[in-house]
Amino acid sequence: MSSRDRRIGELARVEFTGSMGEAIGHYSAALRTISRRWDTELGLASADVRAALVSIRGSWLGLDKAARRLRARRVARRLRRAQSLASALADRADRFRVQYARQFLVMSADEAKDRTRKLDRSGE
């Protein structure tokens, strides 16, 4: 598998040429969108997996219903942890834009947030 096959299309399409502020704004917005989609998907999958594992009829590996619930919760917990990582990635995407504005546009934190919001609105 080549590195081109492993790239995330939405992020790879952003080119860091021309206005860096706009490029970083577009990249951060795309990253935030992707991570929010992952957050939602992993939350739904966690609930679905847990419900499916608990609802298995009969003696599944010789486990009673309480043991099945416990094991299903443990399995679903892994997806919930991944969900929290995706949520944290969305937060970091926002901080990425603000940090760029603070470091390279030399402005206060509030001004940086306002500027990145304007860039986000113009890019989407």
PDB file of N, CA and C in Angstrom:
ATOM      1  N   MET A   1       0.850  -1.177   0.000  1.00  0.00           N
ATOM      2  CA  MET A   1       0.000   0.000   0.000  1.00  0.00           C
ATOM      3  C   MET A   1       0.894   1.238   0.000  1.00  0.00           C
ATOM      4  N   SER A   2       0.707   2.086  -0.978  1.00  0.00           N
ATOM      5  CA  SER A   2       1.535   3.290  -1.069  1.00  0.00           C
ATOM      6  C   SER A   2       1.032   4.359  -0.109  1.00  0.00           C
ATOM      7  N   SER A   3       1.862   5.346   0.127  1.00  0.00           N
ATOM      8  CA  SER A   3       1.463   6.418   1.043  1.00  0.00           C
ATOM      9  C   SER A   3       0.290   7.203   0.481  1.00  0.00           C
ATOM     10  N   ARG A   4       0.162   7.258  -0.830  1.00  0.00           N
ATOM     11  CA  ARG A   4      -0.963   7.963  -1.447  1.00  0.00           C
ATOM     12  C   ARG A   4      -2.283   7.275  -1.090  1.00  0.00           C
ATOM     13  N   ASP A   5      -2.281   5.943  -0.993  1.00  0.00           N
ATOM     14  CA  ASP A   5      -3.486   5.201  -0.656  1.00  0.00           C
ATOM     15  C   ASP A   5      -3.893   5.396   0.796  1.00  0.00           C
ATOM     16  N   ARG A   6      -2.964   5.753   1.644  1.00  0.00           N
ATOM     17  CA  ARG A   6      -3.254   5.902   3.064  1.00  0.00           C
ATOM     18  C   ARG A   6      -3.648   7.311   3.449  1.00  0.00           C
ATOM     19  N   ARG A   7      -3.642   8.237   2.516  1.00  0.00           N
ATOM     20  CA  ARG A   7      -3.956   9.634   2.818  1.00  0.00           C
ATOM     21  C   ARG A   7      -5.457   9.813   2.972  1.00  0.00           C
ATOM     22  N   ILE A   8      -5.834  10.777   3.761  1.00  0.00           N
ATOM     23  CA  ILE A   8      -7.242  11.129   3.943  1.00  0.00           C
ATOM     24  C   ILE A   8      -7.559  12.199   2.906  1.00  0.00           C
ATOM     25  N   GLY A   9      -8.469  11.881   2.010  1.00  0.00           N
ATOM     26  CA  GLY A   9      -8.753  12.732   0.861  1.00  0.00           C
ATOM     27  C   GLY A   9      -9.111  14.165   1.212  1.00  0.00           C
ATOM     28  N   GLU A  10      -9.994  14.345   2.195  1.00  0.00           N
ATOM     29  CA  GLU A  10     -10.437  15.689   2.564  1.00  0.00           C
ATOM     30  C   GLU A  10      -9.276  16.560   3.031  1.00  0.00           C
ATOM     31  N   LEU A  11      -8.338  15.952   3.729  1.00  0.00           N
ATOM     32  CA  LEU A  11      -7.182  16.706   4.230  1.00  0.00           C
ATOM     33  C   LEU A  11      -6.114  16.862   3.150  1.00  0.00           C
ATOM     34  N   ALA A  12      -5.955  15.847   2.323  1.00  0.00           N
ATOM     35  CA  ALA A  12      -4.925  15.894   1.283  1.00  0.00           C
ATOM     36  C   ALA A  12      -5.243  16.937   0.215  1.00  0.00           C
ATOM     37  N   ARG A  13      -6.521  17.257   0.036  1.00  0.00           N
ATOM     38  CA  ARG A  13      -6.904  18.241  -0.983  1.00  0.00           C
ATOM     39  C   ARG A  13      -6.518  19.669  -0.609  1.00  0.00           C
ATOM     40  N   VAL A  14      -6.294  19.931   0.669  1.00  0.00           N
ATOM     41  CA  VAL A  14      -5.919  21.283   1.099  1.00  0.00           C
ATOM     42  C   VAL A  14      -4.456  21.506   0.743  1.00  0.00           C
ATOM     43  N   GLU A  15      -4.208  22.544  -0.032  1.00  0.00           N
ATOM     44  CA  GLU A  15      -2.838  22.856  -0.437  1.00  0.00           C
ATOM     45  C   GLU A  15      -2.352  24.069   0.342  1.00  0.00           C
ATOM     46  N   PHE A  16      -1.164  23.950   0.875  1.00  0.00           N
ATOM     47  CA  PHE A  16      -0.583  25.038   1.653  1.00  0.00           C
ATOM     48  C   PHE A  16       0.202  25.966   0.733  1.00  0.00           C
ATOM     49  N   THR A  17      -0.535  26.617  -0.149  1.00  0.00           N
ATOM     50  CA  THR A  17       0.035  27.618  -1.044  1.00  0.00           C
ATOM     51  C   THR A  17      -0.835  28.854  -0.962  1.00  0.00           C
ATOM     52  N   GLY A  18      -0.302  29.975  -1.363  1.00  0.00           N
ATOM     53  CA  GLY A  18      -1.078  31.215  -1.304  1.00  0.00           C
ATOM     54  C   GLY A  18      -1.225  31.686   0.131  1.00  0.00           C
ATOM     55  N   SER A  19      -2.422  32.063   0.500  1.00  0.00           N
ATOM     56  CA  SER A  19      -2.686  32.552   1.852  1.00  0.00           C
ATOM     57  C   SER A  19      -2.625  31.396   2.847  1.00  0.00           C
ATOM     58  N   MET A  20      -1.622  31.431   3.712  1.00  0.00           N
ATOM     59  CA  MET A  20      -1.478  30.366   4.703  1.00  0.00           C
ATOM     60  C   MET A  20      -2.620  30.381   5.704  1.00  0.00           C
ATOM     61  N   GLY A  21      -3.120  31.565   6.036  1.00  0.00           N
ATOM     62  CA  GLY A  21      -4.240  31.652   6.972  1.00  0.00           C
ATOM     63  C   GLY A  21      -5.458  30.916   6.457  1.00  0.00           C
ATOM     64  N   GLU A  22      -5.758  31.108   5.181  1.00  0.00           N
ATOM     65  CA  GLU A  22      -6.900  30.418   4.586  1.00  0.00           C
ATOM     66  C   GLU A  22      -6.648  28.917   4.493  1.00  0.00           C
ATOM     67  N   ALA A  23      -5.443  28.531   4.103  1.00  0.00           N
ATOM     68  CA  ALA A  23      -5.120  27.110   3.985  1.00  0.00           C
ATOM     69  C   ALA A  23      -5.219  26.418   5.338  1.00  0.00           C
ATOM     70  N   ILE A  24      -4.686  27.044   6.367  1.00  0.00           N
ATOM     71  CA  ILE A  24      -4.757  26.456   7.702  1.00  0.00           C
ATOM     72  C   ILE A  24      -6.200  26.426   8.187  1.00  0.00           C
ATOM     73  N   GLY A  25      -6.960  27.460   7.871  1.00  0.00           N
ATOM     74  CA  GLY A  25      -8.380  27.467   8.226  1.00  0.00           C
ATOM     75  C   GLY A  25      -9.140  26.332   7.558  1.00  0.00           C
ATOM     76  N   HIS A  26      -8.880  26.113   6.260  1.00  0.00           N
ATOM     77  CA  HIS A  26      -9.543  25.026   5.532  1.00  0.00           C
ATOM     78  C   HIS A  26      -9.117  23.660   6.077  1.00  0.00           C
ATOM     79  N   TYR A  27      -7.821  23.508   6.348  1.00  0.00           N
ATOM     80  CA  TYR A  27      -7.315  22.235   6.863  1.00  0.00           C
ATOM     81  C   TYR A  27      -7.925  21.932   8.226  1.00  0.00           C
ATOM     82  N   SER A  28      -7.951  22.932   9.074  1.00  0.00           N
ATOM     83  CA  SER A  28      -8.493  22.728  10.412  1.00  0.00           C
ATOM     84  C   SER A  28      -9.988  22.437  10.372  1.00  0.00           C
ATOM     85  N   ALA A  29     -10.723  23.103   9.471  1.00  0.00           N
ATOM     86  CA  ALA A  29     -12.161  22.841   9.341  1.00  0.00           C
ATOM     87  C   ALA A  29     -12.402  21.422   8.825  1.00  0.00           C
ATOM     88  N   ALA A  30     -11.591  20.985   7.855  1.00  0.00           N
ATOM     89  CA  ALA A  30     -11.735  19.625   7.330  1.00  0.00           C
ATOM     90  C   ALA A  30     -11.407  18.592   8.402  1.00  0.00           C
ATOM     91  N   LEU A  31     -10.356  18.842   9.167  1.00  0.00           N
ATOM     92  CA  LEU A  31      -9.976  17.935  10.248  1.00  0.00           C
ATOM     93  C   LEU A  31     -11.069  17.857  11.305  1.00  0.00           C
ATOM     94  N   ARG A  32     -11.643  18.999  11.644  1.00  0.00           N
ATOM     95  CA  ARG A  32     -12.728  19.032  12.626  1.00  0.00           C
ATOM     96  C   ARG A  32     -13.949  18.258  12.112  1.00  0.00           C
ATOM     97  N   THR A  33     -14.289  18.431  10.852  1.00  0.00           N
ATOM     98  CA  THR A  33     -15.439  17.732  10.274  1.00  0.00           C
ATOM     99  C   THR A  33     -15.236  16.220  10.296  1.00  0.00           C
ATOM    100  N   ILE A  34     -14.058  15.784   9.889  1.00  0.00           N
ATOM    101  CA  ILE A  34     -13.757  14.348   9.880  1.00  0.00           C
ATOM    102  C   ILE A  34     -13.808  13.778  11.289  1.00  0.00           C
ATOM    103  N   SER A  35     -13.205  14.472  12.237  1.00  0.00           N
ATOM    104  CA  SER A  35     -13.162  13.940  13.601  1.00  0.00           C
ATOM    105  C   SER A  35     -14.545  13.937  14.242  1.00  0.00           C
ATOM    106  N   ARG A  36     -15.392  14.894  13.903  1.00  0.00           N
ATOM    107  CA  ARG A  36     -16.767  14.870  14.431  1.00  0.00           C
ATOM    108  C   ARG A  36     -17.561  13.716  13.835  1.00  0.00           C
ATOM    109  N   ARG A  37     -17.325  13.425  12.562  1.00  0.00           N
ATOM    110  CA  ARG A  37     -18.007  12.268  11.958  1.00  0.00           C
ATOM    111  C   ARG A  37     -17.559  10.974  12.635  1.00  0.00           C
ATOM    112  N   TRP A  38     -16.260  10.846  12.899  1.00  0.00           N
ATOM    113  CA  TRP A  38     -15.745   9.669  13.601  1.00  0.00           C
ATOM    114  C   TRP A  38     -16.321   9.585  15.010  1.00  0.00           C
ATOM    115  N   ASP A  39     -16.409  10.719  15.681  1.00  0.00           N
ATOM    116  CA  ASP A  39     -16.968  10.766  17.032  1.00  0.00           C
ATOM    117  C   ASP A  39     -18.387  10.209  17.031  1.00  0.00           C
ATOM    118  N   THR A  40     -19.205  10.677  16.112  1.00  0.00           N
ATOM    119  CA  THR A  40     -20.591  10.217  16.019  1.00  0.00           C
ATOM    120  C   THR A  40     -20.656   8.735  15.677  1.00  0.00           C
ATOM    121  N   GLU A  41     -19.885   8.321  14.689  1.00  0.00           N
ATOM    122  CA  GLU A  41     -19.911   6.923  14.256  1.00  0.00           C
ATOM    123  C   GLU A  41     -19.477   5.979  15.373  1.00  0.00           C
ATOM    124  N   LEU A  42     -18.417   6.324  16.081  1.00  0.00           N
ATOM    125  CA  LEU A  42     -17.930   5.453  17.147  1.00  0.00           C
ATOM    126  C   LEU A  42     -18.905   5.388  18.313  1.00  0.00           C
ATOM    127  N   GLY A  43     -19.586   6.489  18.605  1.00  0.00           N
ATOM    128  CA  GLY A  43     -20.607   6.474  19.656  1.00  0.00           C
ATOM    129  C   GLY A  43     -21.758   5.550  19.303  1.00  0.00           C
ATOM    130  N   LEU A  44     -22.224   5.630  18.062  1.00  0.00           N
ATOM    131  CA  LEU A  44     -23.310   4.752  17.616  1.00  0.00           C
ATOM    132  C   LEU A  44     -22.862   3.291  17.593  1.00  0.00           C
ATOM    133  N   ALA A  45     -21.656   3.050  17.101  1.00  0.00           N
ATOM    134  CA  ALA A  45     -21.140   1.681  17.027  1.00  0.00           C
ATOM    135  C   ALA A  45     -20.976   1.076  18.413  1.00  0.00           C
ATOM    136  N   SER A  46     -20.545   1.865  19.368  1.00  0.00           N
ATOM    137  CA  SER A  46     -20.374   1.378  20.733  1.00  0.00           C
ATOM    138  C   SER A  46     -21.698   0.877  21.300  1.00  0.00           C
ATOM    139  N   ALA A  47     -22.741   1.668  21.128  1.00  0.00           N
ATOM    140  CA  ALA A  47     -24.062   1.266  21.626  1.00  0.00           C
ATOM    141  C   ALA A  47     -24.578   0.039  20.881  1.00  0.00           C
ATOM    142  N   ASP A  48     -24.382  -0.003  19.566  1.00  0.00           N
ATOM    143  CA  ASP A  48     -24.856  -1.137  18.769  1.00  0.00           C
ATOM    144  C   ASP A  48     -24.134  -2.431  19.138  1.00  0.00           C
ATOM    145  N   VAL A  49     -22.823  -2.352  19.301  1.00  0.00           N
ATOM    146  CA  VAL A  49     -22.039  -3.544  19.651  1.00  0.00           C
ATOM    147  C   VAL A  49     -22.467  -4.080  21.008  1.00  0.00           C
ATOM    148  N   ARG A  50     -22.612  -3.186  21.952  1.00  0.00           N
ATOM    149  CA  ARG A  50     -23.004  -3.623  23.299  1.00  0.00           C
ATOM    150  C   ARG A  50     -24.375  -4.286  23.275  1.00  0.00           C
ATOM    151  N   ALA A  51     -25.337  -3.666  22.593  1.00  0.00           N
ATOM    152  CA  ALA A  51     -26.683  -4.239  22.520  1.00  0.00           C
ATOM    153  C   ALA A  51     -26.668  -5.593  21.812  1.00  0.00           C
ATOM    154  N   ALA A  52     -25.898  -5.703  20.748  1.00  0.00           N
ATOM    155  CA  ALA A  52     -25.847  -6.964  20.005  1.00  0.00           C
ATOM    156  C   ALA A  52     -25.221  -8.079  20.832  1.00  0.00           C
ATOM    157  N   LEU A  53     -24.165  -7.773  21.553  1.00  0.00           N
ATOM    158  CA  LEU A  53     -23.504  -8.806  22.350  1.00  0.00           C
ATOM    159  C   LEU A  53     -24.351  -9.243  23.538  1.00  0.00           C
ATOM    160  N   VAL A  54     -25.083  -8.327  24.126  1.00  0.00           N
ATOM    161  CA  VAL A  54     -25.933  -8.678  25.271  1.00  0.00           C
ATOM    162  C   VAL A  54     -27.127  -9.508  24.816  1.00  0.00           C
ATOM    163  N   SER A  55     -27.631  -9.228  23.622  1.00  0.00           N
ATOM    164  CA  SER A  55     -28.866  -9.880  23.173  1.00  0.00           C
ATOM    165  C   SER A  55     -28.661 -11.266  22.571  1.00  0.00           C
ATOM    166  N   ILE A  56     -27.441 -11.751  22.516  1.00  0.00           N
ATOM    167  CA  ILE A  56     -27.197 -13.083  21.963  1.00  0.00           C
ATOM    168  C   ILE A  56     -27.933 -14.104  22.819  1.00  0.00           C
ATOM    169  N   ARG A  57     -28.734 -14.908  22.164  1.00  0.00           N
ATOM    170  CA  ARG A  57     -29.551 -15.911  22.864  1.00  0.00           C
ATOM    171  C   ARG A  57     -28.728 -17.157  23.178  1.00  0.00           C
ATOM    172  N   GLY A  58     -29.175 -17.858  24.169  1.00  0.00           N
ATOM    173  CA  GLY A  58     -28.563 -19.130  24.499  1.00  0.00           C
ATOM    174  C   GLY A  58     -27.300 -18.965  25.321  1.00  0.00           C
ATOM    175  N   SER A  59     -26.651 -20.056  25.516  1.00  0.00           N
ATOM    176  CA  SER A  59     -25.433 -20.068  26.310  1.00  0.00           C
ATOM    177  C   SER A  59     -24.256 -19.755  25.398  1.00  0.00           C
ATOM    178  N   TRP A  60     -23.825 -18.525  25.434  1.00  0.00           N
ATOM    179  CA  TRP A  60     -22.738 -18.052  24.588  1.00  0.00           C
ATOM    180  C   TRP A  60     -21.431 -18.270  25.325  1.00  0.00           C
ATOM    181  N   LEU A  61     -20.673 -19.217  24.879  1.00  0.00           N
ATOM    182  CA  LEU A  61     -19.412 -19.595  25.527  1.00  0.00           C
ATOM    183  C   LEU A  61     -19.624 -19.996  26.982  1.00  0.00           C
ATOM    184  N   GLY A  62     -20.806 -20.506  27.276  1.00  0.00           N
ATOM    185  CA  GLY A  62     -21.099 -20.950  28.631  1.00  0.00           C
ATOM    186  C   GLY A  62     -21.290 -19.819  29.622  1.00  0.00           C
ATOM    187  N   LEU A  63     -21.596 -18.615  29.146  1.00  0.00           N
ATOM    188  CA  LEU A  63     -21.745 -17.462  30.029  1.00  0.00           C
ATOM    189  C   LEU A  63     -23.208 -17.206  30.344  1.00  0.00           C
ATOM    190  N   ASP A  64     -23.483 -16.839  31.569  1.00  0.00           N
ATOM    191  CA  ASP A  64     -24.845 -16.433  31.898  1.00  0.00           C
ATOM    192  C   ASP A  64     -25.056 -14.984  31.456  1.00  0.00           C
ATOM    193  N   LYS A  65     -26.277 -14.481  31.628  1.00  0.00           N
ATOM    194  CA  LYS A  65     -26.616 -13.157  31.104  1.00  0.00           C
ATOM    195  C   LYS A  65     -25.780 -12.048  31.757  1.00  0.00           C
ATOM    196  N   ALA A  66     -25.536 -12.133  33.053  1.00  0.00           N
ATOM    197  CA  ALA A  66     -24.749 -11.100  33.745  1.00  0.00           C
ATOM    198  C   ALA A  66     -23.314 -11.058  33.213  1.00  0.00           C
ATOM    199  N   ALA A  67     -22.738 -12.217  32.972  1.00  0.00           N
ATOM    200  CA  ALA A  67     -21.370 -12.272  32.443  1.00  0.00           C
ATOM    201  C   ALA A  67     -21.320 -11.723  31.018  1.00  0.00           C
ATOM    202  N   ARG A  68     -22.370 -12.006  30.218  1.00  0.00           N
ATOM    203  CA  ARG A  68     -22.421 -11.462  28.854  1.00  0.00           C
ATOM    204  C   ARG A  68     -22.490  -9.942  28.885  1.00  0.00           C
ATOM    205  N   ARG A  69     -23.301  -9.399  29.800  1.00  0.00           N
ATOM    206  CA  ARG A  69     -23.410  -7.935  29.912  1.00  0.00           C
ATOM    207  C   ARG A  69     -22.066  -7.322  30.276  1.00  0.00           C
ATOM    208  N   LEU A  70     -21.377  -7.932  31.219  1.00  0.00           N
ATOM    209  CA  LEU A  70     -20.080  -7.422  31.651  1.00  0.00           C
ATOM    210  C   LEU A  70     -19.069  -7.445  30.501  1.00  0.00           C
ATOM    211  N   ARG A  71     -19.008  -8.545  29.783  1.00  0.00           N
ATOM    212  CA  ARG A  71     -18.060  -8.645  28.671  1.00  0.00           C
ATOM    213  C   ARG A  71     -18.435  -7.717  27.522  1.00  0.00           C
ATOM    214  N   ALA A  72     -19.726  -7.571  27.275  1.00  0.00           N
ATOM    215  CA  ALA A  72     -20.179  -6.648  26.223  1.00  0.00           C
ATOM    216  C   ALA A  72     -19.793  -5.219  26.574  1.00  0.00           C
ATOM    217  N   ARG A  73     -19.918  -4.866  27.841  1.00  0.00           N
ATOM    218  CA  ARG A  73     -19.539  -3.519  28.276  1.00  0.00           C
ATOM    219  C   ARG A  73     -18.042  -3.300  28.089  1.00  0.00           C
ATOM    220  N   ARG A  74     -17.244  -4.316  28.379  1.00  0.00           N
ATOM    221  CA  ARG A  74     -15.790  -4.195  28.205  1.00  0.00           C
ATOM    222  C   ARG A  74     -15.419  -4.003  26.738  1.00  0.00           C
ATOM    223  N   VAL A  75     -16.082  -4.740  25.860  1.00  0.00           N
ATOM    224  CA  VAL A  75     -15.803  -4.611  24.426  1.00  0.00           C
ATOM    225  C   VAL A  75     -16.214  -3.227  23.939  1.00  0.00           C
ATOM    226  N   ALA A  76     -17.407  -2.774  24.330  1.00  0.00           N
ATOM    227  CA  ALA A  76     -17.915  -1.471  23.893  1.00  0.00           C
ATOM    228  C   ALA A  76     -17.076  -0.327  24.458  1.00  0.00           C
ATOM    229  N   ARG A  77     -16.462  -0.541  25.602  1.00  0.00           N
ATOM    230  CA  ARG A  77     -15.632   0.501  26.215  1.00  0.00           C
ATOM    231  C   ARG A  77     -14.485   0.912  25.291  1.00  0.00           C
ATOM    232  N   ARG A  78     -13.952  -0.037  24.534  1.00  0.00           N
ATOM    233  CA  ARG A  78     -12.854   0.283  23.603  1.00  0.00           C
ATOM    234  C   ARG A  78     -13.313   1.281  22.544  1.00  0.00           C
ATOM    235  N   LEU A  79     -14.528   1.108  22.054  1.00  0.00           N
ATOM    236  CA  LEU A  79     -15.055   2.054  21.067  1.00  0.00           C
ATOM    237  C   LEU A  79     -15.334   3.409  21.704  1.00  0.00           C
ATOM    238  N   ARG A  80     -15.797   3.416  22.947  1.00  0.00           N
ATOM    239  CA  ARG A  80     -16.035   4.701  23.624  1.00  0.00           C
ATOM    240  C   ARG A  80     -14.725   5.443  23.845  1.00  0.00           C
ATOM    241  N   ARG A  81     -13.657   4.724  24.130  1.00  0.00           N
ATOM    242  CA  ARG A  81     -12.347   5.380  24.272  1.00  0.00           C
ATOM    243  C   ARG A  81     -11.893   5.972  22.945  1.00  0.00           C
ATOM    244  N   ALA A  82     -12.096   5.249  21.881  1.00  0.00           N
ATOM    245  CA  ALA A  82     -11.763   5.775  20.555  1.00  0.00           C
ATOM    246  C   ALA A  82     -12.627   6.992  20.242  1.00  0.00           C
ATOM    247  N   GLN A  83     -13.882   6.964  20.682  1.00  0.00           N
ATOM    248  CA  GLN A  83     -14.776   8.107  20.477  1.00  0.00           C
ATOM    249  C   GLN A  83     -14.246   9.336  21.203  1.00  0.00           C
ATOM    250  N   SER A  84     -13.766   9.160  22.417  1.00  0.00           N
ATOM    251  CA  SER A  84     -13.239  10.312  23.155  1.00  0.00           C
ATOM    252  C   SER A  84     -11.971  10.857  22.490  1.00  0.00           C
ATOM    253  N   LEU A  85     -11.173   9.990  21.881  1.00  0.00           N
ATOM    254  CA  LEU A  85      -9.997  10.463  21.141  1.00  0.00           C
ATOM    255  C   LEU A  85     -10.410  11.272  19.914  1.00  0.00           C
ATOM    256  N   ALA A  86     -11.447  10.831  19.219  1.00  0.00           N
ATOM    257  CA  ALA A  86     -11.936  11.573  18.050  1.00  0.00           C
ATOM    258  C   ALA A  86     -12.482  12.931  18.473  1.00  0.00           C
ATOM    259  N   SER A  87     -13.152  12.970  19.612  1.00  0.00           N
ATOM    260  CA  SER A  87     -13.673  14.236  20.134  1.00  0.00           C
ATOM    261  C   SER A  87     -12.530  15.184  20.494  1.00  0.00           C
ATOM    262  N   ALA A  88     -11.490  14.642  21.099  1.00  0.00           N
ATOM    263  CA  ALA A  88     -10.328  15.464  21.445  1.00  0.00           C
ATOM    264  C   ALA A  88      -9.630  15.978  20.187  1.00  0.00           C
ATOM    265  N   LEU A  89      -9.623  15.186  19.136  1.00  0.00           N
ATOM    266  CA  LEU A  89      -9.021  15.619  17.874  1.00  0.00           C
ATOM    267  C   LEU A  89      -9.769  16.818  17.301  1.00  0.00           C
ATOM    268  N   ALA A  90     -11.092  16.830  17.415  1.00  0.00           N
ATOM    269  CA  ALA A  90     -11.885  17.973  16.938  1.00  0.00           C
ATOM    270  C   ALA A  90     -11.516  19.234  17.717  1.00  0.00           C
ATOM    271  N   ASP A  91     -11.340  19.095  19.027  1.00  0.00           N
ATOM    272  CA  ASP A  91     -10.939  20.246  19.841  1.00  0.00           C
ATOM    273  C   ASP A  91      -9.551  20.746  19.436  1.00  0.00           C
ATOM    274  N   ARG A  92      -8.642  19.823  19.196  1.00  0.00           N
ATOM    275  CA  ARG A  92      -7.278  20.206  18.807  1.00  0.00           C
ATOM    276  C   ARG A  92      -7.246  20.875  17.441  1.00  0.00           C
ATOM    277  N   ALA A  93      -8.144  20.495  16.558  1.00  0.00           N
ATOM    278  CA  ALA A  93      -8.208  21.134  15.240  1.00  0.00           C
ATOM    279  C   ALA A  93      -8.544  22.611  15.392  1.00  0.00           C
ATOM    280  N   ASP A  94      -9.459  22.934  16.306  1.00  0.00           N
ATOM    281  CA  ASP A  94      -9.792  24.336  16.558  1.00  0.00           C
ATOM    282  C   ASP A  94      -8.606  25.076  17.170  1.00  0.00           C
ATOM    283  N   ARG A  95      -7.925  24.421  18.097  1.00  0.00           N
ATOM    284  CA  ARG A  95      -6.775  25.058  18.744  1.00  0.00           C
ATOM    285  C   ARG A  95      -5.626  25.282  17.763  1.00  0.00           C
ATOM    286  N   PHE A  96      -5.525  24.424  16.767  1.00  0.00           N
ATOM    287  CA  PHE A  96      -4.497  24.552  15.734  1.00  0.00           C
ATOM    288  C   PHE A  96      -4.636  25.891  15.016  1.00  0.00           C
ATOM    289  N   ARG A  97      -5.841  26.236  14.622  1.00  0.00           N
ATOM    290  CA  ARG A  97      -6.067  27.513  13.926  1.00  0.00           C
ATOM    291  C   ARG A  97      -5.756  28.689  14.829  1.00  0.00           C
ATOM    292  N   VAL A  98      -6.231  28.623  16.065  1.00  0.00           N
ATOM    293  CA  VAL A  98      -6.014  29.727  17.002  1.00  0.00           C
ATOM    294  C   VAL A  98      -4.526  29.906  17.277  1.00  0.00           C
ATOM    295  N   GLN A  99      -3.813  28.799  17.441  1.00  0.00           N
ATOM    296  CA  GLN A  99      -2.374  28.883  17.709  1.00  0.00           C
ATOM    297  C   GLN A  99      -1.628  29.491  16.527  1.00  0.00           C
ATOM    298  N   TYR A 100      -2.018  29.124  15.310  1.00  0.00           N
ATOM    299  CA  TYR A 100      -1.406  29.733  14.124  1.00  0.00           C
ATOM    300  C   TYR A 100      -1.616  31.243  14.153  1.00  0.00           C
ATOM    301  N   ALA A 101      -2.839  31.668  14.413  1.00  0.00           N
ATOM    302  CA  ALA A 101      -3.143  33.102  14.422  1.00  0.00           C
ATOM    303  C   ALA A 101      -2.346  33.823  15.507  1.00  0.00           C
ATOM    304  N   ARG A 102      -2.221  33.208  16.667  1.00  0.00           N
ATOM    305  CA  ARG A 102      -1.460  33.837  17.755  1.00  0.00           C
ATOM    306  C   ARG A 102       0.016  33.969  17.406  1.00  0.00           C
ATOM    307  N   GLN A 103       0.582  32.934  16.836  1.00  0.00           N
ATOM    308  CA  GLN A 103       2.020  32.915  16.599  1.00  0.00           C
ATOM    309  C   GLN A 103       2.443  33.703  15.361  1.00  0.00           C
ATOM    310  N   PHE A 104       1.634  33.680  14.329  1.00  0.00           N
ATOM    311  CA  PHE A 104       2.056  34.284  13.071  1.00  0.00           C
ATOM    312  C   PHE A 104       1.319  35.562  12.709  1.00  0.00           C
ATOM    313  N   LEU A 105       0.175  35.798  13.298  1.00  0.00           N
ATOM    314  CA  LEU A 105      -0.566  37.016  12.992  1.00  0.00           C
ATOM    315  C   LEU A 105      -0.463  38.035  14.119  1.00  0.00           C
ATOM    316  N   VAL A 106       0.204  37.685  15.211  1.00  0.00           N
ATOM    317  CA  VAL A 106       0.500  38.538  16.358  1.00  0.00           C
ATOM    318  C   VAL A 106      -0.740  39.325  16.783  1.00  0.00           C
ATOM    319  N   MET A 107      -1.631  38.621  17.465  1.00  0.00           N
ATOM    320  CA  MET A 107      -2.846  39.242  17.982  1.00  0.00           C
ATOM    321  C   MET A 107      -3.240  38.538  19.272  1.00  0.00           C
ATOM    322  N   SER A 108      -4.204  39.094  19.960  1.00  0.00           N
ATOM    323  CA  SER A 108      -4.649  38.493  21.215  1.00  0.00           C
ATOM    324  C   SER A 108      -5.429  37.214  20.914  1.00  0.00           C
ATOM    325  N   ALA A 109      -5.684  36.453  21.955  1.00  0.00           N
ATOM    326  CA  ALA A 109      -6.403  35.191  21.790  1.00  0.00           C
ATOM    327  C   ALA A 109      -7.806  35.418  21.246  1.00  0.00           C
ATOM    328  N   ASP A 110      -8.508  36.439  21.745  1.00  0.00           N
ATOM    329  CA  ASP A 110      -9.865  36.718  21.267  1.00  0.00           C
ATOM    330  C   ASP A 110      -9.861  37.152  19.807  1.00  0.00           C
ATOM    331  N   GLU A 111      -8.907  37.987  19.441  1.00  0.00           N
ATOM    332  CA  GLU A 111      -8.799  38.408  18.042  1.00  0.00           C
ATOM    333  C   GLU A 111      -8.484  37.218  17.142  1.00  0.00           C
ATOM    334  N   ALA A 112      -7.636  36.328  17.632  1.00  0.00           N
ATOM    335  CA  ALA A 112      -7.283  35.142  16.856  1.00  0.00           C
ATOM    336  C   ALA A 112      -8.507  34.259  16.635  1.00  0.00           C
ATOM    337  N   LYS A 113      -9.317  34.071  17.680  1.00  0.00           N
ATOM    338  CA  LYS A 113     -10.529  33.261  17.540  1.00  0.00           C
ATOM    339  C   LYS A 113     -11.493  33.899  16.552  1.00  0.00           C
ATOM    340  N   ASP A 114     -11.667  35.229  16.650  1.00  0.00           N
ATOM    341  CA  ASP A 114     -12.561  35.921  15.717  1.00  0.00           C
ATOM    342  C   ASP A 114     -12.062  35.778  14.283  1.00  0.00           C
ATOM    343  N   ARG A 115     -10.765  35.935  14.095  1.00  0.00           N
ATOM    344  CA  ARG A 115     -10.203  35.834  12.738  1.00  0.00           C
ATOM    345  C   ARG A 115     -10.381  34.435  12.170  1.00  0.00           C
ATOM    346  N   THR A 116     -10.133  33.420  12.979  1.00  0.00           N
ATOM    347  CA  THR A 116     -10.270  32.061  12.468  1.00  0.00           C
ATOM    348  C   THR A 116     -11.732  31.719  12.209  1.00  0.00           C
ATOM    349  N   ARG A 117     -12.637  32.278  12.969  1.00  0.00           N
ATOM    350  CA  ARG A 117     -14.066  32.069  12.679  1.00  0.00           C
ATOM    351  C   ARG A 117     -14.427  32.680  11.332  1.00  0.00           C
ATOM    352  N   LYS A 118     -13.894  33.872  11.060  1.00  0.00           N
ATOM    353  CA  LYS A 118     -14.152  34.510   9.764  1.00  0.00           C
ATOM    354  C   LYS A 118     -13.576  33.673   8.627  1.00  0.00           C
ATOM    355  N   LEU A 119     -12.366  33.150   8.820  1.00  0.00           N
ATOM    356  CA  LEU A 119     -11.764  32.295   7.799  1.00  0.00           C
ATOM    357  C   LEU A 119     -12.592  31.036   7.591  1.00  0.00           C
ATOM    358  N   ASP A 120     -13.104  30.490   8.687  1.00  0.00           N
ATOM    359  CA  ASP A 120     -13.909  29.278   8.611  1.00  0.00           C
ATOM    360  C   ASP A 120     -15.193  29.536   7.831  1.00  0.00           C
ATOM    361  N   ARG A 121     -15.851  30.657   8.111  1.00  0.00           N
ATOM    362  CA  ARG A 121     -17.098  30.991   7.412  1.00  0.00           C
ATOM    363  C   ARG A 121     -16.859  31.237   5.928  1.00  0.00           C
ATOM    364  N   SER A 122     -15.754  31.888   5.597  1.00  0.00           N
ATOM    365  CA  SER A 122     -15.483  32.175   4.183  1.00  0.00           C
ATOM    366  C   SER A 122     -15.089  30.918   3.419  1.00  0.00           C
ATOM    367  N   GLY A 123     -14.531  29.934   4.119  1.00  0.00           N
ATOM    368  CA  GLY A 123     -14.076  28.718   3.454  1.00  0.00           C
ATOM    369  C   GLY A 123     -15.135  27.654   3.318  1.00  0.00           C
ATOM    370  N   GLU A 124     -16.192  27.714   4.097  1.00  0.00           N
ATOM    371  CA  GLU A 124     -17.199  26.649   4.043  1.00  0.00           C
ATOM    372  C   GLU A 124     -18.442  27.093   3.336  1.00  0.00           C
TER     373      GLU A 124
END
